[in-house]
PDB file of all heavy atoms in Angstrom:
ATOM      1  N   SER A   1     101.529  82.509  79.204  1.00  0.00           N
ATOM      2  CA  SER A   1     101.656  83.922  79.555  1.00  0.00           C
ATOM      3  C   SER A   1     102.621  84.095  80.717  1.00  0.00           C
ATOM      4  O   SER A   1     102.957  83.149  81.424  1.00  0.00           O
ATOM      5  CB  SER A   1     100.285  84.490  79.920  1.00  0.00           C
ATOM      6  OG  SER A   1      99.733  83.790  81.026  1.00  0.00           O
ATOM      7  N   ARG A   2     103.052  85.310  80.924  1.00  0.00           N
ATOM      8  CA  ARG A   2     104.006  85.596  81.994  1.00  0.00           C
ATOM      9  C   ARG A   2     103.378  85.376  83.362  1.00  0.00           C
ATOM     10  O   ARG A   2     102.167  85.522  83.543  1.00  0.00           O
ATOM     11  CB  ARG A   2     104.489  87.032  81.877  1.00  0.00           C
ATOM     12  CG  ARG A   2     105.260  87.327  80.608  1.00  0.00           C
ATOM     13  CD  ARG A   2     105.830  88.725  80.661  1.00  0.00           C
ATOM     14  NE  ARG A   2     106.570  89.043  79.446  1.00  0.00           N
ATOM     15  CZ  ARG A   2     107.359  90.097  79.306  1.00  0.00           C
ATOM     16  NH1 ARG A   2     107.495  90.947  80.300  1.00  0.00           N
ATOM     17  NH2 ARG A   2     107.998  90.310  78.173  1.00  0.00           N
ATOM     18  N   LEU A   3     104.226  85.067  84.319  1.00  0.00           N
ATOM     19  CA  LEU A   3     103.762  84.933  85.694  1.00  0.00           C
ATOM     20  C   LEU A   3     103.499  86.309  86.275  1.00  0.00           C
ATOM     21  O   LEU A   3     104.213  87.277  85.993  1.00  0.00           O
ATOM     22  CB  LEU A   3     104.807  84.202  86.538  1.00  0.00           C
ATOM     23  CG  LEU A   3     105.116  82.763  86.145  1.00  0.00           C
ATOM     24  CD1 LEU A   3     106.169  82.183  87.077  1.00  0.00           C
ATOM     25  CD2 LEU A   3     103.858  81.894  86.156  1.00  0.00           C
ATOM     26  N   ARG A   4     102.485  86.390  87.114  1.00  0.00           N
ATOM     27  CA  ARG A   4     102.104  87.656  87.736  1.00  0.00           C
ATOM     28  C   ARG A   4     102.710  87.737  89.142  1.00  0.00           C
ATOM     29  O   ARG A   4     102.463  86.872  89.978  1.00  0.00           O
ATOM     30  CB  ARG A   4     100.582  87.777  87.797  1.00  0.00           C
ATOM     31  CG  ARG A   4      99.923  87.797  86.428  1.00  0.00           C
ATOM     32  CD  ARG A   4      98.407  87.857  86.511  1.00  0.00           C
ATOM     33  NE  ARG A   4      97.841  86.642  87.114  1.00  0.00           N
ATOM     34  CZ  ARG A   4      97.576  85.523  86.444  1.00  0.00           C
ATOM     35  NH1 ARG A   4      97.822  85.438  85.145  1.00  0.00           N
ATOM     36  NH2 ARG A   4      97.058  84.476  87.057  1.00  0.00           N
ATOM     37  N   MET A   5     103.491  88.784  89.376  1.00  0.00           N
ATOM     38  CA  MET A   5     104.174  88.972  90.654  1.00  0.00           C
ATOM     39  C   MET A   5     103.587  90.162  91.399  1.00  0.00           C
ATOM     40  O   MET A   5     103.259  91.190  90.800  1.00  0.00           O
ATOM     41  CB  MET A   5     105.673  89.211  90.418  1.00  0.00           C
ATOM     42  CG  MET A   5     106.480  89.437  91.690  1.00  0.00           C
ATOM     43  SD  MET A   5     108.263  89.670  91.376  1.00  0.00           S
ATOM     44  CE  MET A   5     108.347  91.447  91.192  1.00  0.00           C
ATOM     45  N   GLY A   6     103.469  90.015  92.707  1.00  0.00           N
ATOM     46  CA  GLY A   6     103.176  91.133  93.586  1.00  0.00           C
ATOM     47  C   GLY A   6     104.390  91.410  94.446  1.00  0.00           C
ATOM     48  O   GLY A   6     105.274  90.569  94.592  1.00  0.00           O
ATOM     49  N   MET A   7     104.451  92.591  95.015  1.00  0.00           N
ATOM     50  CA  MET A   7     105.586  92.936  95.872  1.00  0.00           C
ATOM     51  C   MET A   7     105.091  93.660  97.112  1.00  0.00           C
ATOM     52  O   MET A   7     104.212  94.532  97.034  1.00  0.00           O
ATOM     53  CB  MET A   7     106.584  93.820  95.113  1.00  0.00           C
ATOM     54  CG  MET A   7     107.788  94.258  95.932  1.00  0.00           C
ATOM     55  SD  MET A   7     109.106  95.039  94.947  1.00  0.00           S
ATOM     56  CE  MET A   7     109.908  93.562  94.297  1.00  0.00           C
ATOM     57  N   VAL A   8     105.668  93.279  98.254  1.00  0.00           N
ATOM     58  CA  VAL A   8     105.406  93.992  99.502  1.00  0.00           C
ATOM     59  C   VAL A   8     106.724  94.613  99.953  1.00  0.00           C
ATOM     60  O   VAL A   8     107.715  93.909 100.150  1.00  0.00           O
ATOM     61  CB  VAL A   8     104.853  93.049 100.587  1.00  0.00           C
ATOM     62  CG1 VAL A   8     104.666  93.803 101.900  1.00  0.00           C
ATOM     63  CG2 VAL A   8     103.533  92.434 100.134  1.00  0.00           C
ATOM     64  N   GLY A   9     106.733  95.948 100.106  1.00  0.00           N
ATOM     65  CA  GLY A   9     107.960  96.679 100.371  1.00  0.00           C
ATOM     66  C   GLY A   9     108.601  97.103  99.059  1.00  0.00           C
ATOM     67  O   GLY A   9     108.070  96.878  97.970  1.00  0.00           O
ATOM     68  N   GLY A  10     109.760  97.757  99.183  1.00  0.00           N
ATOM     69  CA  GLY A  10     110.504  98.114  97.978  1.00  0.00           C
ATOM     70  C   GLY A  10     110.072  99.402  97.310  1.00  0.00           C
ATOM     71  O   GLY A  10     110.389  99.621  96.141  1.00  0.00           O
ATOM     72  N   GLY A  11     109.375 100.275  98.037  1.00  0.00           N
ATOM     73  CA  GLY A  11     108.906 101.526  97.453  1.00  0.00           C
ATOM     74  C   GLY A  11     109.946 102.637  97.494  1.00  0.00           C
ATOM     75  O   GLY A  11     111.153 102.388  97.446  1.00  0.00           O
ATOM     76  N   GLU A  12     109.483 103.862  97.604  1.00  0.00           N
ATOM     77  CA  GLU A  12     110.351 105.033  97.566  1.00  0.00           C
ATOM     78  C   GLU A  12     111.503 104.917  98.557  1.00  0.00           C
ATOM     79  O   GLU A  12     111.299 104.597  99.729  1.00  0.00           O
ATOM     80  CB  GLU A  12     109.548 106.292  97.900  1.00  0.00           C
ATOM     81  CG  GLU A  12     108.534 106.682  96.838  1.00  0.00           C
ATOM     82  CD  GLU A  12     107.755 107.919  97.257  1.00  0.00           C
ATOM     83  OE1 GLU A  12     108.056 108.489  98.339  1.00  0.00           O
ATOM     84  OE2 GLU A  12     106.849 108.330  96.513  1.00  0.00           O
ATOM     85  N   GLY A  13     112.714 105.157  98.075  1.00  0.00           N
ATOM     86  CA  GLY A  13     113.884 105.173  98.942  1.00  0.00           C
ATOM     87  C   GLY A  13     114.454 103.818  99.277  1.00  0.00           C
ATOM     88  O   GLY A  13     115.452 103.730  99.989  1.00  0.00           O
ATOM     89  N   ALA A  14     113.862 102.740  98.775  1.00  0.00           N
ATOM     90  CA  ALA A  14     114.344 101.393  99.070  1.00  0.00           C
ATOM     91  C   ALA A  14     115.376 100.973  98.032  1.00  0.00           C
ATOM     92  O   ALA A  14     115.211 101.243  96.843  1.00  0.00           O
ATOM     93  CB  ALA A  14     113.187 100.399  99.097  1.00  0.00           C
ATOM     94  N   PHE A  15     116.426 100.307  98.490  1.00  0.00           N
ATOM     95  CA  PHE A  15     117.466  99.806  97.583  1.00  0.00           C
ATOM     96  C   PHE A  15     117.117  98.444  97.011  1.00  0.00           C
ATOM     97  O   PHE A  15     117.084  98.237  95.795  1.00  0.00           O
ATOM     98  CB  PHE A  15     118.804  99.746  98.323  1.00  0.00           C
ATOM     99  CG  PHE A  15     119.787  98.756  97.739  1.00  0.00           C
ATOM    100  CD1 PHE A  15     120.307  98.932  96.462  1.00  0.00           C
ATOM    101  CD2 PHE A  15     120.182  97.643  98.463  1.00  0.00           C
ATOM    102  CE1 PHE A  15     121.203  98.021  95.919  1.00  0.00           C
ATOM    103  CE2 PHE A  15     121.083  96.721  97.929  1.00  0.00           C
ATOM    104  CZ  PHE A  15     121.588  96.909  96.654  1.00  0.00           C
ATOM    105  N   ILE A  16     116.843  97.491  97.875  1.00  0.00           N
ATOM    106  CA  ILE A  16     116.775  96.104  97.428  1.00  0.00           C
ATOM    107  C   ILE A  16     115.526  95.811  96.616  1.00  0.00           C
ATOM    108  O   ILE A  16     115.522  94.914  95.765  1.00  0.00           O
ATOM    109  CB  ILE A  16     116.892  95.135  98.630  1.00  0.00           C
ATOM    110  CG1 ILE A  16     117.418  93.762  98.167  1.00  0.00           C
ATOM    111  CG2 ILE A  16     115.559  95.013  99.364  1.00  0.00           C
ATOM    112  CD1 ILE A  16     118.811  93.793  97.593  1.00  0.00           C
ATOM    113  N   GLY A  17     114.447  96.580  96.814  1.00  0.00           N
ATOM    114  CA  GLY A  17     113.239  96.353  96.034  1.00  0.00           C
ATOM    115  C   GLY A  17     113.477  96.534  94.546  1.00  0.00           C
ATOM    116  O   GLY A  17     113.004  95.744  93.723  1.00  0.00           O
ATOM    117  N   ALA A  18     114.216  97.570  94.178  1.00  0.00           N
ATOM    118  CA  ALA A  18     114.520  97.802  92.766  1.00  0.00           C
ATOM    119  C   ALA A  18     115.365  96.677  92.197  1.00  0.00           C
ATOM    120  O   ALA A  18     115.181  96.269  91.043  1.00  0.00           O
ATOM    121  CB  ALA A  18     115.241  99.143  92.612  1.00  0.00           C
ATOM    122  N   VAL A  19     116.289  96.151  92.997  1.00  0.00           N
ATOM    123  CA  VAL A  19     117.108  95.021  92.553  1.00  0.00           C
ATOM    124  C   VAL A  19     116.222  93.811  92.271  1.00  0.00           C
ATOM    125  O   VAL A  19     116.363  93.137  91.237  1.00  0.00           O
ATOM    126  CB  VAL A  19     118.180  94.687  93.608  1.00  0.00           C
ATOM    127  CG1 VAL A  19     118.888  93.384  93.266  1.00  0.00           C
ATOM    128  CG2 VAL A  19     119.177  95.824  93.743  1.00  0.00           C
ATOM    129  N   HIS A  20     115.305  93.518  93.163  1.00  0.00           N
ATOM    130  CA  HIS A  20     114.387  92.390  92.963  1.00  0.00           C
ATOM    131  C   HIS A  20     113.568  92.579  91.694  1.00  0.00           C
ATOM    132  O   HIS A  20     113.366  91.625  90.932  1.00  0.00           O
ATOM    133  CB  HIS A  20     113.450  92.250  94.159  1.00  0.00           C
ATOM    134  CG  HIS A  20     114.044  91.544  95.336  1.00  0.00           C
ATOM    135  ND1 HIS A  20     113.747  90.244  95.644  1.00  0.00           N
ATOM    136  CD2 HIS A  20     114.919  91.966  96.286  1.00  0.00           C
ATOM    137  CE1 HIS A  20     114.405  89.881  96.739  1.00  0.00           C
ATOM    138  NE2 HIS A  20     115.117  90.922  97.148  1.00  0.00           N
ATOM    139  N   ARG A  21     113.078  93.787  91.458  1.00  0.00           N
ATOM    140  CA  ARG A  21     112.251  94.024  90.270  1.00  0.00           C
ATOM    141  C   ARG A  21     113.064  93.835  88.993  1.00  0.00           C
ATOM    142  O   ARG A  21     112.577  93.238  88.023  1.00  0.00           O
ATOM    143  CB  ARG A  21     111.636  95.419  90.331  1.00  0.00           C
ATOM    144  CG  ARG A  21     110.560  95.565  91.406  1.00  0.00           C
ATOM    145  CD  ARG A  21     109.801  96.868  91.280  1.00  0.00           C
ATOM    146  NE  ARG A  21     110.604  98.042  91.573  1.00  0.00           N
ATOM    147  CZ  ARG A  21     110.740  98.586  92.773  1.00  0.00           C
ATOM    148  NH1 ARG A  21     110.136  98.040  93.822  1.00  0.00           N
ATOM    149  NH2 ARG A  21     111.464  99.675  92.950  1.00  0.00           N
ATOM    150  N   MET A  22     114.287  94.346  88.966  1.00  0.00           N
ATOM    151  CA  MET A  22     115.132  94.154  87.788  1.00  0.00           C
ATOM    152  C   MET A  22     115.426  92.682  87.559  1.00  0.00           C
ATOM    153  O   MET A  22     115.386  92.186  86.429  1.00  0.00           O
ATOM    154  CB  MET A  22     116.431  94.942  87.946  1.00  0.00           C
ATOM    155  CG  MET A  22     116.274  96.438  87.792  1.00  0.00           C
ATOM    156  SD  MET A  22     117.873  97.320  87.812  1.00  0.00           S
ATOM    157  CE  MET A  22     118.203  97.348  89.585  1.00  0.00           C
ATOM    158  N   ALA A  23     115.726  91.971  88.639  1.00  0.00           N
ATOM    159  CA  ALA A  23     116.050  90.554  88.523  1.00  0.00           C
ATOM    160  C   ALA A  23     114.856  89.752  88.030  1.00  0.00           C
ATOM    161  O   ALA A  23     114.985  88.877  87.160  1.00  0.00           O
ATOM    162  CB  ALA A  23     116.529  90.023  89.868  1.00  0.00           C
ATOM    163  N   ALA A  24     113.687  90.031  88.572  1.00  0.00           N
ATOM    164  CA  ALA A  24     112.490  89.298  88.178  1.00  0.00           C
ATOM    165  C   ALA A  24     112.143  89.538  86.711  1.00  0.00           C
ATOM    166  O   ALA A  24     111.635  88.638  86.025  1.00  0.00           O
ATOM    167  CB  ALA A  24     111.319  89.690  89.074  1.00  0.00           C
ATOM    168  N   ALA A  25     112.426  90.736  86.216  1.00  0.00           N
ATOM    169  CA  ALA A  25     112.059  91.098  84.847  1.00  0.00           C
ATOM    170  C   ALA A  25     113.069  90.636  83.808  1.00  0.00           C
ATOM    171  O   ALA A  25     112.766  90.630  82.608  1.00  0.00           O
ATOM    172  CB  ALA A  25     111.894  92.617  84.751  1.00  0.00           C
ATOM    173  N   LEU A  26     114.256  90.229  84.235  1.00  0.00           N
ATOM    174  CA  LEU A  26     115.371  90.048  83.308  1.00  0.00           C
ATOM    175  C   LEU A  26     115.097  89.023  82.209  1.00  0.00           C
ATOM    176  O   LEU A  26     115.468  89.239  81.051  1.00  0.00           O
ATOM    177  CB  LEU A  26     116.632  89.639  84.083  1.00  0.00           C
ATOM    178  CG  LEU A  26     117.923  89.572  83.259  1.00  0.00           C
ATOM    179  CD1 LEU A  26     118.267  90.934  82.661  1.00  0.00           C
ATOM    180  CD2 LEU A  26     119.076  89.079  84.124  1.00  0.00           C
ATOM    181  N   ASP A  27     114.443  87.927  82.532  1.00  0.00           N
ATOM    182  CA  ASP A  27     114.248  86.858  81.545  1.00  0.00           C
ATOM    183  C   ASP A  27     112.902  86.913  80.835  1.00  0.00           C
ATOM    184  O   ASP A  27     112.564  85.998  80.080  1.00  0.00           O
ATOM    185  CB  ASP A  27     114.427  85.499  82.226  1.00  0.00           C
ATOM    186  CG  ASP A  27     115.861  85.273  82.664  1.00  0.00           C
ATOM    187  OD1 ASP A  27     116.759  85.326  81.796  1.00  0.00           O
ATOM    188  OD2 ASP A  27     116.097  85.069  83.865  1.00  0.00           O
ATOM    189  N   GLY A  28     112.129  87.985  81.065  1.00  0.00           N
ATOM    190  CA  GLY A  28     110.885  88.161  80.338  1.00  0.00           C
ATOM    191  C   GLY A  28     109.787  87.191  80.697  1.00  0.00           C
ATOM    192  O   GLY A  28     108.859  86.982  79.913  1.00  0.00           O
ATOM    193  N   GLN A  29     109.866  86.579  81.892  1.00  0.00           N
ATOM    194  CA  GLN A  29     108.859  85.604  82.301  1.00  0.00           C
ATOM    195  C   GLN A  29     107.893  86.130  83.353  1.00  0.00           C
ATOM    196  O   GLN A  29     106.889  85.475  83.645  1.00  0.00           O
ATOM    197  CB  GLN A  29     109.546  84.358  82.876  1.00  0.00           C
ATOM    198  CG  GLN A  29     110.440  83.620  81.923  1.00  0.00           C
ATOM    199  CD  GLN A  29     110.915  82.310  82.526  1.00  0.00           C
ATOM    200  OE1 GLN A  29     110.128  81.530  83.064  1.00  0.00           O
ATOM    201  NE2 GLN A  29     112.203  82.052  82.459  1.00  0.00           N
ATOM    202  N   ILE A  30     108.201  87.283  83.929  1.00  0.00           N
ATOM    203  CA  ILE A  30     107.475  87.755  85.106  1.00  0.00           C
ATOM    204  C   ILE A  30     107.086  89.216  84.927  1.00  0.00           C
ATOM    205  O   ILE A  30     107.903  90.039  84.493  1.00  0.00           O
ATOM    206  CB  ILE A  30     108.353  87.603  86.365  1.00  0.00           C
ATOM    207  CG1 ILE A  30     108.684  86.132  86.625  1.00  0.00           C
ATOM    208  CG2 ILE A  30     107.681  88.224  87.587  1.00  0.00           C
ATOM    209  CD1 ILE A  30     109.769  85.915  87.664  1.00  0.00           C
ATOM    210  N   ASP A  31     105.865  89.543  85.288  1.00  0.00           N
ATOM    211  CA  ASP A  31     105.390  90.926  85.297  1.00  0.00           C
ATOM    212  C   ASP A  31     104.975  91.323  86.704  1.00  0.00           C
ATOM    213  O   ASP A  31     104.259  90.568  87.385  1.00  0.00           O
ATOM    214  CB  ASP A  31     104.175  91.098  84.377  1.00  0.00           C
ATOM    215  CG  ASP A  31     104.549  91.106  82.907  1.00  0.00           C
ATOM    216  OD1 ASP A  31     105.673  91.520  82.581  1.00  0.00           O
ATOM    217  OD2 ASP A  31     103.707  90.676  82.089  1.00  0.00           O
ATOM    218  N   LEU A  32     105.408  92.496  87.141  1.00  0.00           N
ATOM    219  CA  LEU A  32     104.932  93.053  88.406  1.00  0.00           C
ATOM    220  C   LEU A  32     103.574  93.686  88.161  1.00  0.00           C
ATOM    221  O   LEU A  32     103.455  94.637  87.376  1.00  0.00           O
ATOM    222  CB  LEU A  32     105.915  94.102  88.928  1.00  0.00           C
ATOM    223  CG  LEU A  32     105.504  94.813  90.216  1.00  0.00           C
ATOM    224  CD1 LEU A  32     105.505  93.845  91.393  1.00  0.00           C
ATOM    225  CD2 LEU A  32     106.424  95.997  90.505  1.00  0.00           C
TER     226      LEU A  32
END
């Protein structure tokens, strides 16, 4: 099964958090 990821930071108005989420999701191995 996919790895389970948590995130601290990256909420409303944040730039880099969205980049991290897209990158983590790209290969279909990780779910936030």
